[in-house]
Structure formats: C-alpha cells, structure tokens
Amino acid sequence: MLLVVTGGRDFKHVEYIYAQLDKLHMQRRITTLRHGDADGVDRICAHWAERNGIKTEAFPAPWDNLSLPNTKIRYNAKGAYNAQAGAYRNQLMLDTDPKPDHAIVFPGGAGTMDMYRRIKASGISYTLAE
C-alpha cells in the first residue's frame, strides 16, 4: 500500500506516531510512505518508514518557485516566497502516479486541514489518527 501522511510541524509525539503507523502497517502492509518533508509529523513518519525498510517519497513544498500556477507572492525576512506552495505540494502528493491507496491524518494546523480536505475530495480511504 502507498500511504500518504499529513500532520503538523509542531506535532512531535514520536511514540504515538510510531504506534499509529505500526497499527496501520499490521492491518495493511505499507510498501511506500509519501510525505511533505516538513518538520514534525512528516519527518517522524519518514524516519519510521526508514527504520522499517519501507520506501519513502518526499514532496517538499516549493516555497521559492514563484512561477507555479496560482502563485501568491508574499514576503518575509528571507525575501519573496510562494504562499501557495504548501497547497500545491499537497495536491501533487495526491495526483502523482502511482496514486496513494490510503492516507493517515495526524493533528496539525491549517496546512493539515487543507490536506485533509484534499484527501476527502480525492476519494481515497483515510484514517484519522486517534
């Protein structure tokens, strides 16, 4: 099963995340774990996958790419960035072939909620981490 994961950058409960992934892996063998390469849930899940010999696919948000469709340019101390990069990455994780078979949603903020809405709209099955 190709699993896509989502959750917050500040959600760093490693034992809890590992337990949820272990439980899901026992129910449906995970062969590939796709993540957004952000701090917190994404990288913790990637580490779990690597420890378990599971292939990982990282989809970092293209914050510096100002030429993507629907780009909204914002500025911070580092300069211009694409404020839509997270949403773009979220959709890309769902649209890239092979498409995910399942998703797991951990606690998070606005970016996680965006991904959760996209997961539901895509029609793939998902688990809300308990």
C-alpha atoms as a PDB file:
ATOM      1  CA  MET A   1       0.000   0.000   0.000  1.00  0.00           C
ATOM      2  CA  LEU A   2       1.197   3.509  -0.838  1.00  0.00           C
ATOM      3  CA  LEU A   3       0.421   5.626   2.223  1.00  0.00           C
ATOM      4  CA  VAL A   4       0.362   9.419   2.273  1.00  0.00           C
ATOM      5  CA  VAL A   5       0.798  11.089   5.663  1.00  0.00           C
ATOM      6  CA  THR A   6      -0.118  14.542   6.896  1.00  0.00           C
ATOM      7  CA  GLY A   7       0.106  16.344  10.195  1.00  0.00           C
ATOM      8  CA  GLY A   8       1.521  19.368  11.926  1.00  0.00           C
ATOM      9  CA  ARG A   9       5.067  20.639  12.122  1.00  0.00           C
ATOM     10  CA  ASP A  10       4.664  21.061  15.876  1.00  0.00           C
ATOM     11  CA  PHE A  11       3.153  17.614  16.497  1.00  0.00           C
ATOM     12  CA  LYS A  12       6.203  15.660  17.621  1.00  0.00           C
ATOM     13  CA  HIS A  13       4.794  12.807  19.698  1.00  0.00           C
ATOM     14  CA  VAL A  14       7.123  10.164  18.277  1.00  0.00           C
ATOM     15  CA  GLU A  15       5.848   7.157  20.244  1.00  0.00           C
ATOM     16  CA  TYR A  16       2.238   7.975  19.400  1.00  0.00           C
ATOM     17  CA  ILE A  17       3.011   8.453  15.682  1.00  0.00           C
ATOM     18  CA  TYR A  18       5.022   5.229  15.569  1.00  0.00           C
ATOM     19  CA  ALA A  19       2.211   3.323  17.318  1.00  0.00           C
ATOM     20  CA  GLN A  20      -0.369   4.590  14.812  1.00  0.00           C
ATOM     21  CA  LEU A  21       1.852   3.632  11.879  1.00  0.00           C
ATOM     22  CA  ASP A  22       2.617   0.216  13.413  1.00  0.00           C
ATOM     23  CA  LYS A  23      -1.104  -0.432  13.839  1.00  0.00           C
ATOM     24  CA  LEU A  24      -1.909   0.565  10.265  1.00  0.00           C
ATOM     25  CA  HIS A  25       1.057  -1.438   8.912  1.00  0.00           C
ATOM     26  CA  MET A  26      -0.232  -4.562  10.665  1.00  0.00           C
ATOM     27  CA  GLN A  27      -3.677  -4.046   9.108  1.00  0.00           C
ATOM     28  CA  ARG A  28      -2.484  -3.191   5.593  1.00  0.00           C
ATOM     29  CA  ARG A  29       1.159  -3.683   4.663  1.00  0.00           C
ATOM     30  CA  ILE A  30       2.718  -0.291   3.859  1.00  0.00           C
ATOM     31  CA  THR A  31       5.140  -0.523   0.924  1.00  0.00           C
ATOM     32  CA  THR A  32       5.700   3.202   0.298  1.00  0.00           C
ATOM     33  CA  LEU A  33       5.250   6.213   2.559  1.00  0.00           C
ATOM     34  CA  ARG A  34       4.740   9.600   0.877  1.00  0.00           C
ATOM     35  CA  HIS A  35       5.243  12.738   2.969  1.00  0.00           C
ATOM     36  CA  GLY A  36       5.641  16.501   2.663  1.00  0.00           C
ATOM     37  CA  ASP A  37       9.182  16.652   4.080  1.00  0.00           C
ATOM     38  CA  ALA A  38       8.311  19.182   6.784  1.00  0.00           C
ATOM     39  CA  ASP A  39       9.404  19.130  10.418  1.00  0.00           C
ATOM     40  CA  GLY A  40       7.191  17.239  12.820  1.00  0.00           C
ATOM     41  CA  VAL A  41       4.856  14.531  11.556  1.00  0.00           C
ATOM     42  CA  ASP A  42       6.296  14.240   8.035  1.00  0.00           C
ATOM     43  CA  ARG A  43       9.875  13.609   9.075  1.00  0.00           C
ATOM     44  CA  ILE A  44       8.908  11.434  12.039  1.00  0.00           C
ATOM     45  CA  CYS A  45       6.848   9.238   9.692  1.00  0.00           C
ATOM     46  CA  ALA A  46       9.730   9.130   7.206  1.00  0.00           C
ATOM     47  CA  HIS A  47      12.083   8.000   9.971  1.00  0.00           C
ATOM     48  CA  TRP A  48       9.624   5.284  10.998  1.00  0.00           C
ATOM     49  CA  ALA A  49       9.453   4.065   7.385  1.00  0.00           C
ATOM     50  CA  GLU A  50      13.237   4.011   7.005  1.00  0.00           C
ATOM     51  CA  ARG A  51      13.582   2.036  10.264  1.00  0.00           C
ATOM     52  CA  ASN A  52      11.080  -0.485   8.902  1.00  0.00           C
ATOM     53  CA  GLY A  53      12.651  -0.839   5.452  1.00  0.00           C
ATOM     54  CA  ILE A  54       9.777   0.968   3.735  1.00  0.00           C
ATOM     55  CA  LYS A  55      10.398   3.155   0.707  1.00  0.00           C
ATOM     56  CA  THR A  56       9.801   6.886   1.246  1.00  0.00           C
ATOM     57  CA  GLU A  57       8.850   9.646  -1.181  1.00  0.00           C
ATOM     58  CA  ALA A  58       9.446  13.237  -0.059  1.00  0.00           C
ATOM     59  CA  PHE A  59       7.467  16.113  -1.568  1.00  0.00           C
ATOM     60  CA  PRO A  60       8.916  19.335  -0.143  1.00  0.00           C
ATOM     61  CA  ALA A  61       6.830  22.452  -0.712  1.00  0.00           C
ATOM     62  CA  PRO A  62       8.372  24.632  -3.464  1.00  0.00           C
ATOM     63  CA  TRP A  63       8.373  27.883  -1.460  1.00  0.00           C
ATOM     64  CA  ASP A  64      10.955  29.514  -3.761  1.00  0.00           C
ATOM     65  CA  ASN A  65       9.168  28.711  -7.039  1.00  0.00           C
ATOM     66  CA  LEU A  66       7.287  31.895  -7.902  1.00  0.00           C
ATOM     67  CA  SER A  67       6.195  30.662 -11.335  1.00  0.00           C
ATOM     68  CA  LEU A  68       3.760  27.912 -10.303  1.00  0.00           C
ATOM     69  CA  PRO A  69       0.063  28.206 -11.186  1.00  0.00           C
ATOM     70  CA  ASN A  70      -1.940  30.289  -8.679  1.00  0.00           C
ATOM     71  CA  THR A  71       1.213  31.689  -7.072  1.00  0.00           C
ATOM     72  CA  LYS A  72       0.615  34.207  -4.313  1.00  0.00           C
ATOM     73  CA  ILE A  73       3.804  36.079  -3.633  1.00  0.00           C
ATOM     74  CA  ARG A  74       4.414  37.078  -0.033  1.00  0.00           C
ATOM     75  CA  TYR A  75       7.485  38.436   1.703  1.00  0.00           C
ATOM     76  CA  ASN A  76       9.276  37.593   4.890  1.00  0.00           C
ATOM     77  CA  ALA A  77      12.745  38.261   6.315  1.00  0.00           C
ATOM     78  CA  LYS A  78      14.257  35.940   3.683  1.00  0.00           C
ATOM     79  CA  GLY A  79      12.503  37.658   0.764  1.00  0.00           C
ATOM     80  CA  ALA A  80       9.746  36.586  -1.621  1.00  0.00           C
ATOM     81  CA  TYR A  81       8.064  33.203  -1.332  1.00  0.00           C
ATOM     82  CA  ASN A  82       5.091  31.385  -2.853  1.00  0.00           C
ATOM     83  CA  ALA A  83       2.364  31.368  -0.207  1.00  0.00           C
ATOM     84  CA  GLN A  84       0.502  28.659  -2.168  1.00  0.00           C
ATOM     85  CA  ALA A  85       3.456  26.246  -2.169  1.00  0.00           C
ATOM     86  CA  GLY A  86       2.017  24.087   0.615  1.00  0.00           C
ATOM     87  CA  ALA A  87      -1.344  23.685  -1.116  1.00  0.00           C
ATOM     88  CA  TYR A  88       0.411  22.949  -4.425  1.00  0.00           C
ATOM     89  CA  ARG A  89       2.550  20.261  -2.742  1.00  0.00           C
ATOM     90  CA  ASN A  90      -0.476  18.738  -1.025  1.00  0.00           C
ATOM     91  CA  GLN A  91      -2.317  18.268  -4.309  1.00  0.00           C
ATOM     92  CA  LEU A  92       0.824  16.950  -6.014  1.00  0.00           C
ATOM     93  CA  MET A  93       1.186  14.255  -3.341  1.00  0.00           C
ATOM     94  CA  LEU A  94      -2.315  13.028  -4.211  1.00  0.00           C
ATOM     95  CA  ASP A  95      -2.086  13.398  -8.005  1.00  0.00           C
ATOM     96  CA  THR A  96       1.338  11.839  -8.624  1.00  0.00           C
ATOM     97  CA  ASP A  97       1.237   8.316 -10.055  1.00  0.00           C
ATOM     98  CA  PRO A  98       1.021   5.902  -8.570  1.00  0.00           C
ATOM     99  CA  LYS A  99      -1.772   7.481  -6.576  1.00  0.00           C
ATOM    100  CA  PRO A 100      -1.923   6.814  -2.833  1.00  0.00           C
ATOM    101  CA  ASP A 101      -4.026   3.883  -1.658  1.00  0.00           C
ATOM    102  CA  HIS A 102      -4.627   5.331   1.793  1.00  0.00           C
ATOM    103  CA  ALA A 103      -3.843   8.347   3.979  1.00  0.00           C
ATOM    104  CA  ILE A 104      -3.337   8.901   7.668  1.00  0.00           C
ATOM    105  CA  VAL A 105      -4.109  12.299   9.176  1.00  0.00           C
ATOM    106  CA  PHE A 106      -2.367  13.358  12.376  1.00  0.00           C
ATOM    107  CA  PRO A 107      -3.154  16.527  14.353  1.00  0.00           C
ATOM    108  CA  GLY A 108      -1.994  19.773  12.793  1.00  0.00           C
ATOM    109  CA  GLY A 109      -2.962  23.249  11.707  1.00  0.00           C
ATOM    110  CA  ALA A 110      -4.159  24.967   8.543  1.00  0.00           C
ATOM    111  CA  GLY A 111      -1.861  23.026   6.194  1.00  0.00           C
ATOM    112  CA  THR A 112      -3.020  19.715   7.645  1.00  0.00           C
ATOM    113  CA  MET A 113      -6.655  20.798   7.301  1.00  0.00           C
ATOM    114  CA  ASP A 114      -6.022  21.708   3.658  1.00  0.00           C
ATOM    115  CA  MET A 115      -4.545  18.258   3.033  1.00  0.00           C
ATOM    116  CA  TYR A 116      -7.405  16.563   4.882  1.00  0.00           C
ATOM    117  CA  ARG A 117      -9.965  18.333   2.653  1.00  0.00           C
ATOM    118  CA  ARG A 118      -7.997  17.298  -0.432  1.00  0.00           C
ATOM    119  CA  ILE A 119      -7.789  13.685   0.763  1.00  0.00           C
ATOM    120  CA  LYS A 120     -11.567  13.548   1.281  1.00  0.00           C
ATOM    121  CA  ALA A 121     -12.184  15.155  -2.136  1.00  0.00           C
ATOM    122  CA  SER A 122      -9.854  12.655  -3.824  1.00  0.00           C
ATOM    123  CA  GLY A 123     -11.923   9.706  -2.630  1.00  0.00           C
ATOM    124  CA  ILE A 124      -9.003   7.731  -1.227  1.00  0.00           C
ATOM    125  CA  SER A 125      -9.540   5.960   2.068  1.00  0.00           C
ATOM    126  CA  TYR A 126      -8.068   7.558   5.169  1.00  0.00           C
ATOM    127  CA  THR A 127      -7.505   7.083   8.856  1.00  0.00           C
ATOM    128  CA  LEU A 128      -7.805   9.859  11.405  1.00  0.00           C
ATOM    129  CA  ALA A 129      -5.098   9.187  13.978  1.00  0.00           C
ATOM    130  CA  GLU A 130      -6.887   8.514  17.252  1.00  0.00           C
END
